[in-house]
Amino acid sequence: MTDRTPLYVRLPNAEAERLREAAHRLGRSKQDLITSLVATLDDRRVTVETHDDQLTVGHAEFRPFAPPDVLTVAQLAQWLQVDPTAIDELAEQGDIPGRKLAGEWRFAREAVLDWLANR
């Protein structure tokens, strides 16, 4: 057993409920979740925000994106976080799996995932 220091924190009810729900969904204790969060502070920047804007540490970003099964150049560029011209160039060179339909490039999501995995 590792040494432990008691830590008592008062959280707003909404945030305490979110922590409880996260622990339940992940099958981990609240203590483990907080320990993991603190352990990552040396490795990356993390944002902790409350509704009253009194506490902010670092910065984190989450951009959910559920790509469709078939993507346009713009959608693929957004998904891969690159400029659309880079996608056009890769497609024209045959470096990325895609097909032209009615003069427009289309990309199968699964084919792109395989391409990324095998690159």
N, C-alpha and C. Protein backbone atom coordinates (compact mmCIF):
# COMPACT_ATOMS: atom_id res chain seq x y z
N MET A 1 0.84 -1.18 0.00
CA MET A 1 0.00 0.00 0.00
C MET A 1 0.88 1.24 0.00
N THR A 2 0.57 2.20 -0.84
CA THR A 2 1.37 3.41 -0.93
C THR A 2 0.94 4.40 0.15
N ASP A 3 1.83 5.32 0.47
CA ASP A 3 1.49 6.36 1.44
C ASP A 3 0.40 7.24 0.85
N ARG A 4 -0.52 7.62 1.68
CA ARG A 4 -1.63 8.48 1.24
C ARG A 4 -1.80 9.62 2.22
N THR A 5 -2.19 10.77 1.69
CA THR A 5 -2.48 11.94 2.49
C THR A 5 -3.96 12.27 2.32
N PRO A 6 -4.67 12.44 3.41
CA PRO A 6 -6.09 12.78 3.28
C PRO A 6 -6.25 14.15 2.63
N LEU A 7 -7.21 14.28 1.77
CA LEU A 7 -7.51 15.54 1.10
C LEU A 7 -9.01 15.74 1.17
N TYR A 8 -9.41 16.82 1.75
CA TYR A 8 -10.83 17.11 1.86
C TYR A 8 -11.14 18.34 1.03
N VAL A 9 -12.08 18.19 0.11
CA VAL A 9 -12.41 19.26 -0.81
C VAL A 9 -13.92 19.43 -0.84
N ARG A 10 -14.37 20.66 -0.82
CA ARG A 10 -15.79 20.94 -0.99
C ARG A 10 -16.01 21.34 -2.44
N LEU A 11 -16.86 20.57 -3.13
CA LEU A 11 -17.20 20.84 -4.51
C LEU A 11 -18.63 21.31 -4.59
N PRO A 12 -18.94 22.15 -5.59
CA PRO A 12 -20.34 22.46 -5.82
C PRO A 12 -21.10 21.17 -6.13
N ASN A 13 -22.35 21.11 -5.78
CA ASN A 13 -23.14 19.89 -5.95
C ASN A 13 -23.10 19.35 -7.38
N ALA A 14 -23.22 20.22 -8.37
CA ALA A 14 -23.24 19.76 -9.76
C ALA A 14 -21.92 19.07 -10.13
N GLU A 15 -20.79 19.65 -9.73
CA GLU A 15 -19.49 19.06 -10.06
C GLU A 15 -19.26 17.78 -9.28
N ALA A 16 -19.72 17.74 -8.04
CA ALA A 16 -19.59 16.51 -7.25
C ALA A 16 -20.39 15.39 -7.91
N GLU A 17 -21.56 15.71 -8.43
CA GLU A 17 -22.38 14.70 -9.12
C GLU A 17 -21.69 14.24 -10.40
N ARG A 18 -21.08 15.17 -11.13
CA ARG A 18 -20.36 14.80 -12.36
C ARG A 18 -19.19 13.88 -12.04
N LEU A 19 -18.48 14.15 -10.95
CA LEU A 19 -17.38 13.29 -10.54
C LEU A 19 -17.89 11.91 -10.16
N ARG A 20 -18.99 11.85 -9.40
CA ARG A 20 -19.58 10.57 -9.01
C ARG A 20 -20.00 9.78 -10.24
N GLU A 21 -20.65 10.46 -11.20
CA GLU A 21 -21.11 9.80 -12.42
C GLU A 21 -19.93 9.29 -13.25
N ALA A 22 -18.88 10.09 -13.37
CA ALA A 22 -17.69 9.67 -14.12
C ALA A 22 -17.05 8.44 -13.49
N ALA A 23 -16.95 8.44 -12.17
CA ALA A 23 -16.38 7.29 -11.47
C ALA A 23 -17.22 6.04 -11.70
N HIS A 24 -18.52 6.22 -11.66
CA HIS A 24 -19.42 5.08 -11.88
C HIS A 24 -19.29 4.53 -13.31
N ARG A 25 -19.32 5.42 -14.28
CA ARG A 25 -19.24 4.99 -15.69
C ARG A 25 -17.91 4.35 -16.03
N LEU A 26 -16.85 4.86 -15.44
CA LEU A 26 -15.52 4.32 -15.74
C LEU A 26 -15.15 3.13 -14.86
N GLY A 27 -15.96 2.87 -13.86
CA GLY A 27 -15.67 1.76 -12.96
C GLY A 27 -14.44 2.01 -12.11
N ARG A 28 -14.19 3.25 -11.77
CA ARG A 28 -13.03 3.62 -10.95
C ARG A 28 -13.52 4.42 -9.76
N SER A 29 -12.71 4.50 -8.75
CA SER A 29 -13.07 5.30 -7.58
C SER A 29 -12.83 6.77 -7.89
N LYS A 30 -13.53 7.62 -7.16
CA LYS A 30 -13.31 9.06 -7.30
C LYS A 30 -11.86 9.38 -6.94
N GLN A 31 -11.34 8.70 -5.93
CA GLN A 31 -9.95 8.90 -5.52
C GLN A 31 -8.99 8.60 -6.67
N ASP A 32 -9.23 7.51 -7.40
CA ASP A 32 -8.37 7.16 -8.53
C ASP A 32 -8.47 8.20 -9.64
N LEU A 33 -9.67 8.70 -9.91
CA LEU A 33 -9.84 9.71 -10.95
C LEU A 33 -9.07 10.98 -10.61
N ILE A 34 -9.19 11.43 -9.37
CA ILE A 34 -8.48 12.64 -8.96
C ILE A 34 -6.98 12.41 -8.97
N THR A 35 -6.54 11.23 -8.51
CA THR A 35 -5.11 10.91 -8.52
C THR A 35 -4.57 10.93 -9.95
N SER A 36 -5.32 10.36 -10.89
CA SER A 36 -4.90 10.36 -12.30
C SER A 36 -4.81 11.77 -12.85
N LEU A 37 -5.78 12.60 -12.50
CA LEU A 37 -5.77 13.99 -12.96
C LEU A 37 -4.55 14.73 -12.45
N VAL A 38 -4.25 14.60 -11.17
CA VAL A 38 -3.10 15.28 -10.58
C VAL A 38 -1.80 14.75 -11.19
N ALA A 39 -1.75 13.44 -11.45
CA ALA A 39 -0.53 12.85 -12.02
C ALA A 39 -0.25 13.39 -13.41
N THR A 40 -1.27 13.80 -14.16
CA THR A 40 -1.06 14.30 -15.52
C THR A 40 -0.63 15.75 -15.55
N LEU A 41 -0.65 16.44 -14.44
CA LEU A 41 -0.33 17.87 -14.45
C LEU A 41 1.09 18.13 -14.93
N ASP A 42 2.03 17.21 -14.70
CA ASP A 42 3.40 17.40 -15.16
C ASP A 42 3.53 17.13 -16.66
N ASP A 43 2.63 16.30 -17.20
CA ASP A 43 2.75 15.85 -18.58
C ASP A 43 2.01 16.72 -19.59
N ARG A 44 0.91 17.32 -19.18
CA ARG A 44 0.14 18.11 -20.12
C ARG A 44 -0.66 19.15 -19.36
N ARG A 45 -1.22 20.06 -20.10
CA ARG A 45 -2.00 21.12 -19.48
C ARG A 45 -3.43 20.65 -19.30
N VAL A 46 -4.01 20.99 -18.17
CA VAL A 46 -5.36 20.55 -17.84
C VAL A 46 -6.16 21.77 -17.40
N THR A 47 -7.41 21.84 -17.80
CA THR A 47 -8.29 22.92 -17.37
C THR A 47 -9.27 22.40 -16.34
N VAL A 48 -9.37 23.12 -15.27
CA VAL A 48 -10.38 22.84 -14.26
C VAL A 48 -11.17 24.13 -14.11
N GLU A 49 -12.45 24.10 -14.43
CA GLU A 49 -13.26 25.30 -14.38
C GLU A 49 -14.48 25.08 -13.51
N THR A 50 -14.86 26.13 -12.81
CA THR A 50 -16.10 26.10 -12.06
C THR A 50 -17.04 27.12 -12.70
N HIS A 51 -18.29 27.06 -12.33
CA HIS A 51 -19.28 27.98 -12.92
C HIS A 51 -19.04 29.43 -12.54
N ASP A 52 -18.38 29.67 -11.42
CA ASP A 52 -18.15 31.05 -11.00
C ASP A 52 -16.80 31.58 -11.46
N ASP A 53 -16.11 30.84 -12.32
CA ASP A 53 -14.83 31.27 -12.92
C ASP A 53 -13.75 31.63 -11.90
N GLN A 54 -13.75 31.00 -10.73
CA GLN A 54 -12.74 31.30 -9.74
C GLN A 54 -11.50 30.44 -9.87
N LEU A 55 -11.59 29.30 -10.52
CA LEU A 55 -10.44 28.41 -10.59
C LEU A 55 -10.23 27.96 -12.03
N THR A 56 -9.07 28.26 -12.58
CA THR A 56 -8.71 27.79 -13.90
C THR A 56 -7.24 27.42 -13.86
N VAL A 57 -6.91 26.22 -14.31
CA VAL A 57 -5.53 25.75 -14.34
C VAL A 57 -5.25 25.24 -15.73
N GLY A 58 -4.30 25.83 -16.43
CA GLY A 58 -3.92 25.33 -17.74
C GLY A 58 -5.01 25.48 -18.79
N HIS A 59 -4.97 24.57 -19.76
CA HIS A 59 -5.93 24.62 -20.86
C HIS A 59 -6.07 23.23 -21.47
N ALA A 60 -7.29 22.84 -21.75
CA ALA A 60 -7.55 21.59 -22.46
C ALA A 60 -8.66 21.85 -23.45
N GLU A 61 -8.74 21.02 -24.45
CA GLU A 61 -9.75 21.22 -25.48
C GLU A 61 -10.32 19.88 -25.89
N PHE A 62 -11.62 19.85 -26.06
CA PHE A 62 -12.29 18.65 -26.52
C PHE A 62 -13.24 19.06 -27.63
N ARG A 63 -13.05 18.46 -28.79
CA ARG A 63 -13.91 18.76 -29.93
C ARG A 63 -14.52 17.47 -30.44
N PRO A 64 -15.72 17.16 -29.97
CA PRO A 64 -16.33 15.92 -30.44
C PRO A 64 -16.64 16.02 -31.94
N PHE A 65 -16.39 14.93 -32.65
CA PHE A 65 -16.67 14.89 -34.08
C PHE A 65 -16.96 13.45 -34.46
N ALA A 66 -18.17 13.19 -34.83
CA ALA A 66 -18.56 11.85 -35.27
C ALA A 66 -18.62 11.88 -36.80
N PRO A 67 -17.55 11.47 -37.45
CA PRO A 67 -17.53 11.57 -38.91
C PRO A 67 -18.51 10.59 -39.55
N PRO A 68 -19.10 11.00 -40.68
CA PRO A 68 -19.97 10.08 -41.42
C PRO A 68 -19.14 8.97 -42.06
N ASP A 69 -19.81 7.97 -42.59
CA ASP A 69 -19.10 6.86 -43.24
C ASP A 69 -18.38 7.29 -44.51
N VAL A 70 -18.92 8.30 -45.21
CA VAL A 70 -18.28 8.84 -46.41
C VAL A 70 -18.07 10.33 -46.18
N LEU A 71 -16.82 10.77 -46.39
CA LEU A 71 -16.45 12.14 -46.07
C LEU A 71 -16.08 12.93 -47.32
N THR A 72 -16.36 14.23 -47.28
CA THR A 72 -15.89 15.15 -48.31
C THR A 72 -14.47 15.59 -47.95
N VAL A 73 -13.86 16.34 -48.83
CA VAL A 73 -12.52 16.87 -48.55
C VAL A 73 -12.55 17.72 -47.28
N ALA A 74 -13.54 18.60 -47.17
CA ALA A 74 -13.63 19.49 -46.01
C ALA A 74 -13.83 18.70 -44.72
N GLN A 75 -14.70 17.70 -44.76
CA GLN A 75 -14.95 16.90 -43.56
C GLN A 75 -13.71 16.11 -43.15
N LEU A 76 -13.02 15.53 -44.13
CA LEU A 76 -11.81 14.77 -43.82
C LEU A 76 -10.72 15.69 -43.27
N ALA A 77 -10.60 16.88 -43.85
CA ALA A 77 -9.61 17.84 -43.36
C ALA A 77 -9.92 18.24 -41.92
N GLN A 78 -11.19 18.46 -41.61
CA GLN A 78 -11.57 18.80 -40.24
C GLN A 78 -11.26 17.65 -39.31
N TRP A 79 -11.59 16.44 -39.71
CA TRP A 79 -11.37 15.25 -38.88
C TRP A 79 -9.88 15.04 -38.60
N LEU A 80 -9.05 15.20 -39.64
CA LEU A 80 -7.62 14.99 -39.50
C LEU A 80 -6.88 16.24 -39.04
N GLN A 81 -7.58 17.34 -38.92
CA GLN A 81 -7.03 18.62 -38.47
C GLN A 81 -5.88 19.08 -39.36
N VAL A 82 -6.15 19.05 -40.66
CA VAL A 82 -5.19 19.56 -41.64
C VAL A 82 -5.92 20.48 -42.61
N ASP A 83 -5.17 21.17 -43.43
CA ASP A 83 -5.75 22.06 -44.42
C ASP A 83 -6.39 21.24 -45.54
N PRO A 84 -7.55 21.64 -46.04
CA PRO A 84 -8.19 20.90 -47.13
C PRO A 84 -7.32 20.74 -48.38
N THR A 85 -6.44 21.71 -48.64
CA THR A 85 -5.56 21.57 -49.81
C THR A 85 -4.61 20.39 -49.65
N ALA A 86 -4.21 20.09 -48.43
CA ALA A 86 -3.35 18.93 -48.19
C ALA A 86 -4.08 17.64 -48.54
N ILE A 87 -5.37 17.57 -48.21
CA ILE A 87 -6.17 16.39 -48.55
C ILE A 87 -6.29 16.27 -50.06
N ASP A 88 -6.57 17.40 -50.74
CA ASP A 88 -6.67 17.38 -52.20
C ASP A 88 -5.37 16.87 -52.83
N GLU A 89 -4.25 17.36 -52.34
CA GLU A 89 -2.95 16.95 -52.89
C GLU A 89 -2.70 15.47 -52.67
N LEU A 90 -2.98 14.98 -51.46
CA LEU A 90 -2.79 13.56 -51.17
C LEU A 90 -3.69 12.69 -52.06
N ALA A 91 -4.91 13.13 -52.25
CA ALA A 91 -5.85 12.37 -53.08
C ALA A 91 -5.42 12.36 -54.54
N GLU A 92 -5.02 13.50 -55.06
CA GLU A 92 -4.59 13.60 -56.46
C GLU A 92 -3.35 12.75 -56.71
N GLN A 93 -2.47 12.64 -55.72
CA GLN A 93 -1.26 11.84 -55.85
C GLN A 93 -1.52 10.36 -55.61
N GLY A 94 -2.73 10.03 -55.15
CA GLY A 94 -3.05 8.63 -54.85
C GLY A 94 -2.48 8.15 -53.53
N ASP A 95 -2.09 9.08 -52.67
CA ASP A 95 -1.49 8.70 -51.40
C ASP A 95 -2.52 8.39 -50.32
N ILE A 96 -3.74 8.85 -50.49
CA ILE A 96 -4.80 8.60 -49.51
C ILE A 96 -5.95 7.93 -50.24
N PRO A 97 -6.58 6.92 -49.64
CA PRO A 97 -7.65 6.21 -50.35
C PRO A 97 -8.90 7.07 -50.52
N GLY A 98 -9.28 7.26 -51.76
CA GLY A 98 -10.48 8.04 -52.06
C GLY A 98 -10.91 7.83 -53.50
N ARG A 99 -12.08 8.32 -53.82
CA ARG A 99 -12.62 8.21 -55.18
C ARG A 99 -13.25 9.54 -55.57
N LYS A 100 -13.15 9.84 -56.85
CA LYS A 100 -13.82 11.03 -57.36
C LYS A 100 -15.21 10.64 -57.84
N LEU A 101 -16.21 11.34 -57.35
CA LEU A 101 -17.60 11.14 -57.78
C LEU A 101 -18.12 12.48 -58.26
N ALA A 102 -18.52 12.54 -59.53
CA ALA A 102 -19.02 13.78 -60.12
C ALA A 102 -18.03 14.93 -59.92
N GLY A 103 -16.75 14.62 -60.04
CA GLY A 103 -15.71 15.63 -59.94
C GLY A 103 -15.32 16.02 -58.52
N GLU A 104 -15.91 15.38 -57.51
CA GLU A 104 -15.61 15.69 -56.11
C GLU A 104 -15.02 14.47 -55.42
N TRP A 105 -14.00 14.68 -54.59
CA TRP A 105 -13.40 13.58 -53.85
C TRP A 105 -14.30 13.14 -52.71
N ARG A 106 -14.38 11.82 -52.52
CA ARG A 106 -15.08 11.22 -51.39
C ARG A 106 -14.16 10.17 -50.77
N PHE A 107 -14.24 10.05 -49.44
CA PHE A 107 -13.34 9.16 -48.71
C PHE A 107 -14.14 8.30 -47.74
N ALA A 108 -13.91 7.00 -47.80
CA ALA A 108 -14.56 6.09 -46.86
C ALA A 108 -13.82 6.18 -45.53
N ARG A 109 -14.57 6.44 -44.47
CA ARG A 109 -13.98 6.61 -43.14
C ARG A 109 -13.12 5.40 -42.76
N GLU A 110 -13.64 4.19 -42.97
CA GLU A 110 -12.90 2.97 -42.61
C GLU A 110 -11.60 2.84 -43.41
N ALA A 111 -11.64 3.20 -44.69
CA ALA A 111 -10.43 3.13 -45.51
C ALA A 111 -9.39 4.12 -45.01
N VAL A 112 -9.82 5.30 -44.60
CA VAL A 112 -8.89 6.30 -44.09
C VAL A 112 -8.30 5.82 -42.76
N LEU A 113 -9.12 5.22 -41.91
CA LEU A 113 -8.60 4.69 -40.65
C LEU A 113 -7.55 3.60 -40.90
N ASP A 114 -7.83 2.71 -41.85
CA ASP A 114 -6.84 1.68 -42.19
C ASP A 114 -5.56 2.31 -42.74
N TRP A 115 -5.73 3.31 -43.59
CA TRP A 115 -4.58 4.01 -44.17
C TRP A 115 -3.73 4.65 -43.07
N LEU A 116 -4.40 5.28 -42.10
CA LEU A 116 -3.66 5.90 -41.00
C LEU A 116 -2.94 4.87 -40.15
N ALA A 117 -3.59 3.75 -39.91
CA ALA A 117 -3.01 2.70 -39.06
C ALA A 117 -1.80 2.05 -39.71
N ASN A 118 -1.80 1.96 -41.03
CA ASN A 118 -0.73 1.26 -41.74
C ASN A 118 0.35 2.20 -42.26
N ARG A 119 0.21 3.47 -42.06
CA ARG A 119 1.18 4.45 -42.56
C ARG A 119 2.47 4.33 -41.82
